[in-house]
PDB file of N, CA and C in Angstrom:
ATOM      1  N   UNK A   1     107.935  97.071  67.554  1.00  0.00           N
ATOM      2  CA  UNK A   1     106.803  96.339  68.135  1.00  0.00           C
ATOM      3  C   UNK A   1     106.445  96.891  69.475  1.00  0.00           C
ATOM      4  N   UNK A   2     105.186  96.943  69.811  1.00  0.00           N
ATOM      5  CA  UNK A   2     104.789  97.364  71.159  1.00  0.00           C
ATOM      6  C   UNK A   2     105.343  96.431  72.232  1.00  0.00           C
ATOM      7  N   UNK A   3     105.507  96.947  73.411  1.00  0.00           N
ATOM      8  CA  UNK A   3     106.089  96.178  74.519  1.00  0.00           C
ATOM      9  C   UNK A   3     105.330  94.890  74.776  1.00  0.00           C
ATOM     10  N   UNK A   4     103.994  94.915  74.645  1.00  0.00           N
ATOM     11  CA  UNK A   4     103.198  93.703  74.934  1.00  0.00           C
ATOM     12  C   UNK A   4     103.552  92.585  73.984  1.00  0.00           C
ATOM     13  N   UNK A   5     103.841  92.883  72.744  1.00  0.00           N
ATOM     14  CA  UNK A   5     104.114  91.852  71.750  1.00  0.00           C
ATOM     15  C   UNK A   5     105.495  91.231  71.933  1.00  0.00           C
ATOM     16  N   UNK A   6     106.427  91.980  72.480  1.00  0.00           N
ATOM     17  CA  UNK A   6     107.797  91.459  72.651  1.00  0.00           C
ATOM     18  C   UNK A   6     107.963  90.741  73.988  1.00  0.00           C
ATOM     19  N   UNK A   7     106.992  90.888  74.865  1.00  0.00           N
ATOM     20  CA  UNK A   7     107.108  90.262  76.186  1.00  0.00           C
ATOM     21  C   UNK A   7     107.855  91.126  77.199  1.00  0.00           C
ATOM     22  N   UNK A   8     108.321  92.304  76.814  1.00  0.00           N
ATOM     23  CA  UNK A   8     108.993  93.179  77.740  1.00  0.00           C
ATOM     24  C   UNK A   8     107.932  93.990  78.483  1.00  0.00           C
ATOM     25  N   UNK A   9     108.372  94.854  79.370  1.00  0.00           N
ATOM     26  CA  UNK A   9     107.453  95.635  80.183  1.00  0.00           C
ATOM     27  C   UNK A   9     107.468  97.077  79.731  1.00  0.00           C
ATOM     28  N   UNK A  10     106.504  97.837  80.206  1.00  0.00           N
ATOM     29  CA  UNK A  10     106.410  99.253  79.846  1.00  0.00           C
ATOM     30  C   UNK A  10     106.931 100.178  80.946  1.00  0.00           C
ATOM     31  N   UNK A  11     107.554  99.607  81.974  1.00  0.00           N
ATOM     32  CA  UNK A  11     108.064 100.425  83.077  1.00  0.00           C
ATOM     33  C   UNK A  11     109.328 101.120  82.630  1.00  0.00           C
ATOM     34  N   UNK A  12     109.303 102.449  82.665  1.00  0.00           N
ATOM     35  CA  UNK A  12     110.423 103.268  82.252  1.00  0.00           C
ATOM     36  C   UNK A  12     111.312 103.635  83.429  1.00  0.00           C
ATOM     37  N   UNK A  13     110.689 103.870  84.576  1.00  0.00           N
ATOM     38  CA  UNK A  13     111.424 104.340  85.730  1.00  0.00           C
ATOM     39  C   UNK A  13     110.667 103.997  87.005  1.00  0.00           C
ATOM     40  N   UNK A  14     111.436 103.720  88.057  1.00  0.00           N
ATOM     41  CA  UNK A  14     110.867 103.597  89.403  1.00  0.00           C
ATOM     42  C   UNK A  14     111.753 104.376  90.363  1.00  0.00           C
ATOM     43  N   UNK A  15     111.102 105.143  91.206  1.00  0.00           N
ATOM     44  CA  UNK A  15     111.808 105.915  92.240  1.00  0.00           C
ATOM     45  C   UNK A  15     111.274 105.491  93.589  1.00  0.00           C
ATOM     46  N   UNK A  16     112.197 105.072  94.451  1.00  0.00           N
ATOM     47  CA  UNK A  16     111.838 104.643  95.821  1.00  0.00           C
ATOM     48  C   UNK A  16     112.365 105.720  96.784  1.00  0.00           C
ATOM     49  N   UNK A  17     111.529 106.153  97.696  1.00  0.00           N
ATOM     50  CA  UNK A  17     111.933 107.140  98.692  1.00  0.00           C
ATOM     51  C   UNK A  17     112.214 106.433 100.004  1.00  0.00           C
ATOM     52  N   UNK A  18     113.456 106.554 100.473  1.00  0.00           N
ATOM     53  CA  UNK A  18     113.871 105.983 101.766  1.00  0.00           C
ATOM     54  C   UNK A  18     115.056 106.786 102.265  1.00  0.00           C
ATOM     55  N   UNK A  19     115.143 106.894 103.581  1.00  0.00           N
ATOM     56  CA  UNK A  19     116.246 107.692 104.162  1.00  0.00           C
ATOM     57  C   UNK A  19     117.606 107.021 103.896  1.00  0.00           C
ATOM     58  N   UNK A  20     117.661 105.720 103.703  1.00  0.00           N
ATOM     59  CA  UNK A  20     118.876 105.013 103.401  1.00  0.00           C
ATOM     60  C   UNK A  20     118.925 104.677 101.899  1.00  0.00           C
ATOM     61  N   UNK A  21     119.798 105.311 101.151  1.00  0.00           N
ATOM     62  CA  UNK A  21     119.806 105.071  99.713  1.00  0.00           C
ATOM     63  C   UNK A  21     120.116 103.615  99.311  1.00  0.00           C
ATOM     64  N   UNK A  22     120.788 102.903 100.159  1.00  0.00           N
ATOM     65  CA  UNK A  22     121.057 101.483  99.886  1.00  0.00           C
ATOM     66  C   UNK A  22     119.755 100.701  99.903  1.00  0.00           C
ATOM     67  N   UNK A  23     118.886 100.988 100.840  1.00  0.00           N
ATOM     68  CA  UNK A  23     117.577 100.313 100.950  1.00  0.00           C
ATOM     69  C   UNK A  23     116.723 100.673  99.731  1.00  0.00           C
ATOM     70  N   UNK A  24     116.714 101.979  99.397  1.00  0.00           N
ATOM     71  CA  UNK A  24     115.935 102.421  98.226  1.00  0.00           C
ATOM     72  C   UNK A  24     116.428 101.731  96.972  1.00  0.00           C
ATOM     73  N   UNK A  25     117.730 101.619  96.799  1.00  0.00           N
ATOM     74  CA  UNK A  25     118.319 100.964  95.634  1.00  0.00           C
ATOM     75  C   UNK A  25     117.921  99.483  95.591  1.00  0.00           C
ATOM     76  N   UNK A  26     117.981  98.829  96.720  1.00  0.00           N
ATOM     77  CA  UNK A  26     117.634  97.412  96.793  1.00  0.00           C
ATOM     78  C   UNK A  26     116.170  97.186  96.412  1.00  0.00           C
ATOM     79  N   UNK A  27     115.298  98.035  96.916  1.00  0.00           N
ATOM     80  CA  UNK A  27     113.870  97.915  96.555  1.00  0.00           C
ATOM     81  C   UNK A  27     113.628  98.213  95.095  1.00  0.00           C
ATOM     82  N   UNK A  28     114.401  99.154  94.552  1.00  0.00           N
ATOM     83  CA  UNK A  28     114.175  99.538  93.157  1.00  0.00           C
ATOM     84  C   UNK A  28     114.712  98.555  92.157  1.00  0.00           C
ATOM     85  N   UNK A  29     115.821  97.880  92.498  1.00  0.00           N
ATOM     86  CA  UNK A  29     116.463  97.007  91.507  1.00  0.00           C
ATOM     87  C   UNK A  29     116.464  95.537  91.875  1.00  0.00           C
ATOM     88  N   UNK A  30     116.429  95.249  93.140  1.00  0.00           N
ATOM     89  CA  UNK A  30     116.610  93.863  93.553  1.00  0.00           C
ATOM     90  C   UNK A  30     115.354  93.152  93.982  1.00  0.00           C
ATOM     91  N   UNK A  31     114.202  93.696  93.606  1.00  0.00           N
ATOM     92  CA  UNK A  31     112.948  93.112  94.063  1.00  0.00           C
ATOM     93  C   UNK A  31     111.948  93.041  92.913  1.00  0.00           C
ATOM     94  N   UNK A  32     110.826  92.428  93.180  1.00  0.00           N
ATOM     95  CA  UNK A  32     109.786  92.354  92.166  1.00  0.00           C
ATOM     96  C   UNK A  32     109.219  93.723  91.743  1.00  0.00           C
ATOM     97  N   UNK A  33     109.539  94.791  92.470  1.00  0.00           N
ATOM     98  CA  UNK A  33     109.017  96.105  92.084  1.00  0.00           C
ATOM     99  C   UNK A  33     109.464  96.492  90.692  1.00  0.00           C
ATOM    100  N   UNK A  34     110.704  96.173  90.367  1.00  0.00           N
ATOM    101  CA  UNK A  34     111.257  96.597  89.080  1.00  0.00           C
ATOM    102  C   UNK A  34     110.982  95.595  87.951  1.00  0.00           C
ATOM    103  N   UNK A  35     110.537  94.417  88.267  1.00  0.00           N
ATOM    104  CA  UNK A  35     110.383  93.376  87.259  1.00  0.00           C
ATOM    105  C   UNK A  35     108.995  92.822  87.147  1.00  0.00           C
ATOM    106  N   UNK A  36     108.052  93.390  87.812  1.00  0.00           N
ATOM    107  CA  UNK A  36     106.738  92.767  87.878  1.00  0.00           C
ATOM    108  C   UNK A  36     105.634  93.766  87.646  1.00  0.00           C
ATOM    109  N   UNK A  37     104.598  93.307  87.012  1.00  0.00           N
ATOM    110  CA  UNK A  37     103.408  94.161  86.824  1.00  0.00           C
ATOM    111  C   UNK A  37     102.718  94.357  88.145  1.00  0.00           C
ATOM    112  N   UNK A  38     103.067  93.542  89.133  1.00  0.00           N
ATOM    113  CA  UNK A  38     102.469  93.651  90.465  1.00  0.00           C
ATOM    114  C   UNK A  38     103.254  94.611  91.368  1.00  0.00           C
ATOM    115  N   UNK A  39     104.154  95.379  90.816  1.00  0.00           N
ATOM    116  CA  UNK A  39     105.018  96.254  91.612  1.00  0.00           C
ATOM    117  C   UNK A  39     104.251  97.206  92.511  1.00  0.00           C
ATOM    118  N   UNK A  40     103.180  97.793  92.034  1.00  0.00           N
ATOM    119  CA  UNK A  40     102.391  98.725  92.843  1.00  0.00           C
ATOM    120  C   UNK A  40     101.730  97.966  93.984  1.00  0.00           C
ATOM    121  N   UNK A  41     101.258  96.789  93.766  1.00  0.00           N
ATOM    122  CA  UNK A  41     100.650  95.997  94.845  1.00  0.00           C
ATOM    123  C   UNK A  41     101.697  95.680  95.943  1.00  0.00           C
ATOM    124  N   UNK A  42     102.905  95.329  95.528  1.00  0.00           N
ATOM    125  CA  UNK A  42     103.977  95.075  96.498  1.00  0.00           C
ATOM    126  C   UNK A  42     104.306  96.337  97.267  1.00  0.00           C
ATOM    127  N   UNK A  43     104.465  97.450  96.546  1.00  0.00           N
ATOM    128  CA  UNK A  43     104.795  98.730  97.203  1.00  0.00           C
ATOM    129  C   UNK A  43     103.734  99.104  98.218  1.00  0.00           C
ATOM    130  N   UNK A  44     102.468  98.937  97.852  1.00  0.00           N
ATOM    131  CA  UNK A  44     101.383  99.274  98.789  1.00  0.00           C
ATOM    132  C   UNK A  44     101.359  98.317  99.973  1.00  0.00           C
ATOM    133  N   UNK A  45     101.542  97.034  99.740  1.00  0.00           N
ATOM    134  CA  UNK A  45     101.517  96.050 100.827  1.00  0.00           C
ATOM    135  C   UNK A  45     102.665  96.266 101.828  1.00  0.00           C
ATOM    136  N   UNK A  46     103.827  96.689 101.285  1.00  0.00           N
ATOM    137  CA  UNK A  46     104.996  96.895 102.150  1.00  0.00           C
ATOM    138  C   UNK A  46     105.161  98.353 102.612  1.00  0.00           C
ATOM    139  N   UNK A  47     104.181  99.203 102.230  1.00  0.00           N
ATOM    140  CA  UNK A  47     104.187 100.605 102.606  1.00  0.00           C
ATOM    141  C   UNK A  47     105.474 101.319 102.144  1.00  0.00           C
ATOM    142  N   UNK A  48     105.834 101.077 100.892  1.00  0.00           N
ATOM    143  CA  UNK A  48     107.005 101.637 100.277  1.00  0.00           C
ATOM    144  C   UNK A  48     106.601 102.881  99.450  1.00  0.00           C
ATOM    145  N   UNK A  49     107.161 104.044  99.771  1.00  0.00           N
ATOM    146  CA  UNK A  49     106.908 105.229  98.950  1.00  0.00           C
ATOM    147  C   UNK A  49     107.570 105.046  97.590  1.00  0.00           C
ATOM    148  N   UNK A  50     106.788 104.896  96.551  1.00  0.00           N
ATOM    149  CA  UNK A  50     107.341 104.592  95.231  1.00  0.00           C
ATOM    150  C   UNK A  50     106.597 105.382  94.143  1.00  0.00           C
ATOM    151  N   UNK A  51     107.365 105.809  93.157  1.00  0.00           N
ATOM    152  CA  UNK A  51     106.810 106.446  91.977  1.00  0.00           C
ATOM    153  C   UNK A  51     107.178 105.590  90.763  1.00  0.00           C
ATOM    154  N   UNK A  52     106.150 105.136  90.061  1.00  0.00           N
ATOM    155  CA  UNK A  52     106.362 104.325  88.841  1.00  0.00           C
ATOM    156  C   UNK A  52     106.037 105.186  87.620  1.00  0.00           C
ATOM    157  N   UNK A  53     106.877 105.104  86.598  1.00  0.00           N
ATOM    158  CA  UNK A  53     106.583 105.786  85.343  1.00  0.00           C
ATOM    159  C   UNK A  53     106.578 104.730  84.247  1.00  0.00           C
ATOM    160  N   UNK A  54     105.455 104.689  83.576  1.00  0.00           N
ATOM    161  CA  UNK A  54     105.283 103.721  82.484  1.00  0.00           C
ATOM    162  C   UNK A  54     105.080 104.470  81.180  1.00  0.00           C
ATOM    163  N   UNK A  55     105.515 103.857  80.086  1.00  0.00           N
ATOM    164  CA  UNK A  55     105.287 104.421  78.766  1.00  0.00           C
ATOM    165  C   UNK A  55     104.170 103.667  78.102  1.00  0.00           C
ATOM    166  N   UNK A  56     103.144 104.414  77.706  1.00  0.00           N
ATOM    167  CA  UNK A  56     102.034 103.834  76.952  1.00  0.00           C
ATOM    168  C   UNK A  56     101.899 104.627  75.675  1.00  0.00           C
ATOM    169  N   UNK A  57     102.325 103.982  74.589  1.00  0.00           N
ATOM    170  CA  UNK A  57     102.427 104.686  73.277  1.00  0.00           C
ATOM    171  C   UNK A  57     103.386 105.865  73.430  1.00  0.00           C
ATOM    172  N   UNK A  58     102.958 107.076  73.191  1.00  0.00           N
ATOM    173  CA  UNK A  58     103.837 108.228  73.290  1.00  0.00           C
ATOM    174  C   UNK A  58     103.654 108.991  74.602  1.00  0.00           C
ATOM    175  N   UNK A  59     102.960 108.411  75.573  1.00  0.00           N
ATOM    176  CA  UNK A  59     102.695 109.078  76.834  1.00  0.00           C
ATOM    177  C   UNK A  59     103.461 108.438  77.962  1.00  0.00           C
ATOM    178  N   UNK A  60     103.918 109.229  78.929  1.00  0.00           N
ATOM    179  CA  UNK A  60     104.490 108.752  80.170  1.00  0.00           C
ATOM    180  C   UNK A  60     103.410 108.885  81.236  1.00  0.00           C
ATOM    181  N   UNK A  61     103.134 107.792  81.922  1.00  0.00           N
ATOM    182  CA  UNK A  61     102.048 107.745  82.932  1.00  0.00           C
ATOM    183  C   UNK A  61     102.709 107.553  84.293  1.00  0.00           C
ATOM    184  N   UNK A  62     102.429 108.448  85.250  1.00  0.00           N
ATOM    185  CA  UNK A  62     102.959 108.342  86.624  1.00  0.00           C
ATOM    186  C   UNK A  62     101.923 107.639  87.502  1.00  0.00           C
ATOM    187  N   UNK A  63     102.430 106.763  88.348  1.00  0.00           N
ATOM    188  CA  UNK A  63     101.564 106.132  89.368  1.00  0.00           C
ATOM    189  C   UNK A  63     102.325 106.222  90.705  1.00  0.00           C
ATOM    190  N   UNK A  64     101.621 106.610  91.745  1.00  0.00           N
ATOM    191  CA  UNK A  64     102.220 106.764  93.057  1.00  0.00           C
ATOM    192  C   UNK A  64     101.645 105.723  94.017  1.00  0.00           C
ATOM    193  N   UNK A  65     102.524 105.155  94.850  1.00  0.00           N
ATOM    194  CA  UNK A  65     102.048 104.201  95.852  1.00  0.00           C
ATOM    195  C   UNK A  65     101.289 104.964  96.926  1.00  0.00           C
ATOM    196  N   UNK A  66     100.508 104.230  97.696  1.00  0.00           N
ATOM    197  CA  UNK A  66      99.787 104.848  98.801  1.00  0.00           C
ATOM    198  C   UNK A  66     100.723 105.561  99.792  1.00  0.00           C
ATOM    199  N   UNK A  67     101.853 104.900 100.040  1.00  0.00           N
ATOM    200  CA  UNK A  67     102.836 105.486 101.015  1.00  0.00           C
ATOM    201  C   UNK A  67     103.421 106.783 100.490  1.00  0.00           C
ATOM    202  N   UNK A  68     103.631 106.873  99.170  1.00  0.00           N
ATOM    203  CA  UNK A  68     104.147 108.122  98.609  1.00  0.00           C
ATOM    204  C   UNK A  68     103.070 109.217  98.690  1.00  0.00           C
ATOM    205  N   UNK A  69     101.836 108.855  98.397  1.00  0.00           N
ATOM    206  CA  UNK A  69     100.745 109.814  98.493  1.00  0.00           C
ATOM    207  C   UNK A  69     100.541 110.321  99.924  1.00  0.00           C
ATOM    208  N   UNK A  70     100.859 109.487 100.902  1.00  0.00           N
ATOM    209  CA  UNK A  70     100.651 109.846 102.311  1.00  0.00           C
ATOM    210  C   UNK A  70     101.730 110.752 102.878  1.00  0.00           C
ATOM    211  N   UNK A  71     102.850 110.889 102.167  1.00  0.00           N
ATOM    212  CA  UNK A  71     103.936 111.758 102.685  1.00  0.00           C
ATOM    213  C   UNK A  71     103.453 113.217 102.782  1.00  0.00           C
ATOM    214  N   UNK A  72     103.688 113.848 103.908  1.00  0.00           N
ATOM    215  CA  UNK A  72     103.354 115.243 104.101  1.00  0.00           C
ATOM    216  C   UNK A  72     104.386 116.155 103.457  1.00  0.00           C
ATOM    217  N   UNK A  73     105.632 115.724 103.523  1.00  0.00           N
ATOM    218  CA  UNK A  73     106.707 116.534 102.965  1.00  0.00           C
ATOM    219  C   UNK A  73     107.873 115.606 102.651  1.00  0.00           C
ATOM    220  N   UNK A  74     108.790 116.151 101.846  1.00  0.00           N
ATOM    221  CA  UNK A  74     109.963 115.401 101.446  1.00  0.00           C
ATOM    222  C   UNK A  74     111.128 116.358 101.492  1.00  0.00           C
ATOM    223  N   UNK A  75     112.170 116.022 102.283  1.00  0.00           N
ATOM    224  CA  UNK A  75     113.323 116.853 102.381  1.00  0.00           C
ATOM    225  C   UNK A  75     114.513 116.118 101.767  1.00  0.00           C
ATOM    226  N   UNK A  76     115.197 116.747 100.822  1.00  0.00           N
ATOM    227  CA  UNK A  76     116.372 116.148 100.193  1.00  0.00           C
ATOM    228  C   UNK A  76     117.590 116.876 100.707  1.00  0.00           C
ATOM    229  N   UNK A  77     118.546 116.106 101.223  1.00  0.00           N
ATOM    230  CA  UNK A  77     119.769 116.683 101.758  1.00  0.00           C
ATOM    231  C   UNK A  77     120.888 116.650 100.739  1.00  0.00           C
TER     232      UNK A  77
END
């Protein structure tokens, strides 16, 4: 059954960018970002750099928050 019929969501993955991985983990798992269709609105309101990946039929759709789009660069240590 499609996700809409079962009441589940189509969010496959969320990535939060933050210098402190504990904060990123908390935003990714412990907040409405991971459980709500309003996740992008929350990320934009709180200026959280976030990448959402949703599955629609056989396609994966990426959505980036405003804060993620505003990043000039990203350095991973």
